């Protein structure tokens, strides 16, 4: 799901909200430091690309 949305050139606001919600849940469940940084990096890149619309 994350990569499908990130693969698009212009993510919609709804897609951005979905990604952030998935990421939030993932961070609550997974306590692995590297995994957290990985998902934070993905979300940061996604937000950056969403603002370039």
N, C-alpha and C. Protein backbone atom coordinates (compact mmCIF):
# COMPACT_ATOMS: atom_id res chain seq x y z
N UNK A 1 0.83 -1.21 0.00
CA UNK A 1 0.00 0.00 0.00
C UNK A 1 0.86 1.26 0.00
N UNK A 2 1.82 1.34 0.91
CA UNK A 2 2.67 2.52 1.01
C UNK A 2 3.39 2.77 -0.30
N UNK A 3 4.00 1.71 -0.84
CA UNK A 3 4.79 1.89 -2.06
C UNK A 3 3.92 2.16 -3.28
N UNK A 4 2.69 1.63 -3.29
CA UNK A 4 1.78 1.90 -4.41
C UNK A 4 1.48 3.39 -4.48
N UNK A 5 1.21 3.99 -3.34
CA UNK A 5 0.89 5.41 -3.30
C UNK A 5 2.13 6.25 -3.60
N UNK A 6 3.26 5.87 -2.99
CA UNK A 6 4.49 6.63 -3.19
C UNK A 6 4.95 6.59 -4.63
N UNK A 7 4.55 5.54 -5.35
CA UNK A 7 4.98 5.41 -6.74
C UNK A 7 4.28 6.39 -7.68
N UNK A 8 3.19 6.97 -7.23
CA UNK A 8 2.46 7.93 -8.05
C UNK A 8 3.17 9.28 -8.05
N UNK A 9 3.03 10.00 -9.16
CA UNK A 9 3.67 11.31 -9.28
C UNK A 9 3.01 12.34 -8.37
N UNK A 10 1.67 12.33 -8.34
CA UNK A 10 0.95 13.35 -7.57
C UNK A 10 -0.05 12.70 -6.61
N UNK A 11 0.37 12.43 -5.37
CA UNK A 11 -0.53 11.83 -4.39
C UNK A 11 -1.64 12.81 -3.99
N UNK A 12 -2.81 12.28 -3.72
CA UNK A 12 -3.92 13.13 -3.30
C UNK A 12 -3.86 13.35 -1.79
N UNK A 13 -4.64 14.29 -1.31
CA UNK A 13 -4.69 14.57 0.12
C UNK A 13 -5.18 13.35 0.88
N UNK A 14 -6.19 12.66 0.34
CA UNK A 14 -6.71 11.47 1.00
C UNK A 14 -5.65 10.39 1.09
N UNK A 15 -4.86 10.23 0.05
CA UNK A 15 -3.78 9.24 0.07
C UNK A 15 -2.75 9.62 1.12
N UNK A 16 -2.44 10.90 1.23
CA UNK A 16 -1.47 11.35 2.23
C UNK A 16 -1.97 11.03 3.63
N UNK A 17 -3.25 11.28 3.88
CA UNK A 17 -3.83 10.99 5.19
C UNK A 17 -3.80 9.50 5.48
N UNK A 18 -4.08 8.68 4.46
CA UNK A 18 -4.05 7.23 4.63
C UNK A 18 -2.65 6.76 4.99
N UNK A 19 -1.64 7.27 4.29
CA UNK A 19 -0.26 6.89 4.57
C UNK A 19 0.13 7.28 5.98
N UNK A 20 -0.24 8.48 6.39
CA UNK A 20 0.11 8.94 7.73
C UNK A 20 -0.56 8.08 8.80
N UNK A 21 -1.81 7.68 8.57
CA UNK A 21 -2.53 6.85 9.52
C UNK A 21 -1.88 5.47 9.63
N UNK A 22 -1.54 4.87 8.48
CA UNK A 22 -0.88 3.57 8.47
C UNK A 22 0.45 3.67 9.20
N UNK A 23 1.18 4.73 8.94
CA UNK A 23 2.49 4.91 9.56
C UNK A 23 2.36 5.08 11.07
N UNK A 24 1.35 5.82 11.49
CA UNK A 24 1.14 6.03 12.92
C UNK A 24 0.87 4.70 13.62
N UNK A 25 0.02 3.88 13.02
CA UNK A 25 -0.29 2.57 13.60
C UNK A 25 0.95 1.68 13.62
N UNK A 26 1.73 1.74 12.55
CA UNK A 26 2.94 0.93 12.45
C UNK A 26 3.91 1.32 13.56
N UNK A 27 4.06 2.61 13.80
CA UNK A 27 4.99 3.08 14.83
C UNK A 27 4.53 2.66 16.22
N UNK A 28 3.22 2.59 16.44
CA UNK A 28 2.71 2.17 17.74
C UNK A 28 3.00 0.69 17.99
N UNK A 29 2.96 -0.11 16.94
CA UNK A 29 3.14 -1.55 17.06
C UNK A 29 4.62 -1.95 17.07
N UNK A 30 5.40 -1.39 16.16
CA UNK A 30 6.79 -1.79 15.99
C UNK A 30 7.73 -0.94 16.83
N UNK A 31 8.46 -1.56 17.72
CA UNK A 31 9.38 -0.82 18.59
C UNK A 31 10.81 -0.85 18.07
N UNK A 32 11.00 -1.43 16.89
CA UNK A 32 12.35 -1.52 16.33
C UNK A 32 12.80 -0.15 15.84
N UNK A 33 13.95 0.33 16.35
CA UNK A 33 14.45 1.67 16.03
C UNK A 33 14.69 1.85 14.54
N UNK A 34 15.30 0.88 13.90
CA UNK A 34 15.59 1.01 12.47
C UNK A 34 14.31 1.04 11.65
N UNK A 35 13.33 0.24 12.03
CA UNK A 35 12.07 0.23 11.31
C UNK A 35 11.36 1.58 11.43
N UNK A 36 11.43 2.16 12.63
CA UNK A 36 10.81 3.47 12.84
C UNK A 36 11.45 4.51 11.95
N UNK A 37 12.76 4.53 11.90
CA UNK A 37 13.44 5.52 11.08
C UNK A 37 13.15 5.30 9.60
N UNK A 38 13.01 4.05 9.20
CA UNK A 38 12.70 3.74 7.81
C UNK A 38 11.33 4.29 7.44
N UNK A 39 10.33 4.04 8.27
CA UNK A 39 8.98 4.49 7.96
C UNK A 39 8.87 6.01 8.06
N UNK A 40 9.60 6.62 9.00
CA UNK A 40 9.60 8.08 9.12
C UNK A 40 10.20 8.69 7.86
N UNK A 41 11.24 8.07 7.34
CA UNK A 41 11.88 8.56 6.11
C UNK A 41 10.90 8.49 4.94
N UNK A 42 10.17 7.39 4.84
CA UNK A 42 9.19 7.22 3.76
C UNK A 42 8.10 8.29 3.87
N UNK A 43 7.59 8.48 5.09
CA UNK A 43 6.53 9.46 5.29
C UNK A 43 7.02 10.87 4.99
N UNK A 44 8.24 11.18 5.41
CA UNK A 44 8.81 12.51 5.15
C UNK A 44 8.90 12.77 3.65
N UNK A 45 9.38 11.77 2.91
CA UNK A 45 9.49 11.92 1.46
C UNK A 45 8.11 12.06 0.83
N UNK A 46 7.14 11.32 1.36
CA UNK A 46 5.79 11.37 0.82
C UNK A 46 5.17 12.75 1.04
N UNK A 47 5.32 13.28 2.25
CA UNK A 47 4.78 14.60 2.56
C UNK A 47 5.43 15.65 1.67
N UNK A 48 6.73 15.53 1.49
CA UNK A 48 7.45 16.48 0.64
C UNK A 48 6.91 16.44 -0.79
N UNK A 49 6.69 15.24 -1.31
CA UNK A 49 6.18 15.12 -2.68
C UNK A 49 4.74 15.61 -2.78
N UNK A 50 3.97 15.43 -1.72
CA UNK A 50 2.58 15.88 -1.73
C UNK A 50 2.49 17.40 -1.76
N UNK A 51 3.45 18.06 -1.14
CA UNK A 51 3.45 19.52 -1.11
C UNK A 51 3.92 20.12 -2.43
N UNK A 52 4.44 19.30 -3.32
CA UNK A 52 4.91 19.81 -4.61
C UNK A 52 3.81 19.81 -5.67
N UNK A 53 2.58 19.51 -5.28
CA UNK A 53 1.48 19.42 -6.23
C UNK A 53 1.23 20.73 -6.96
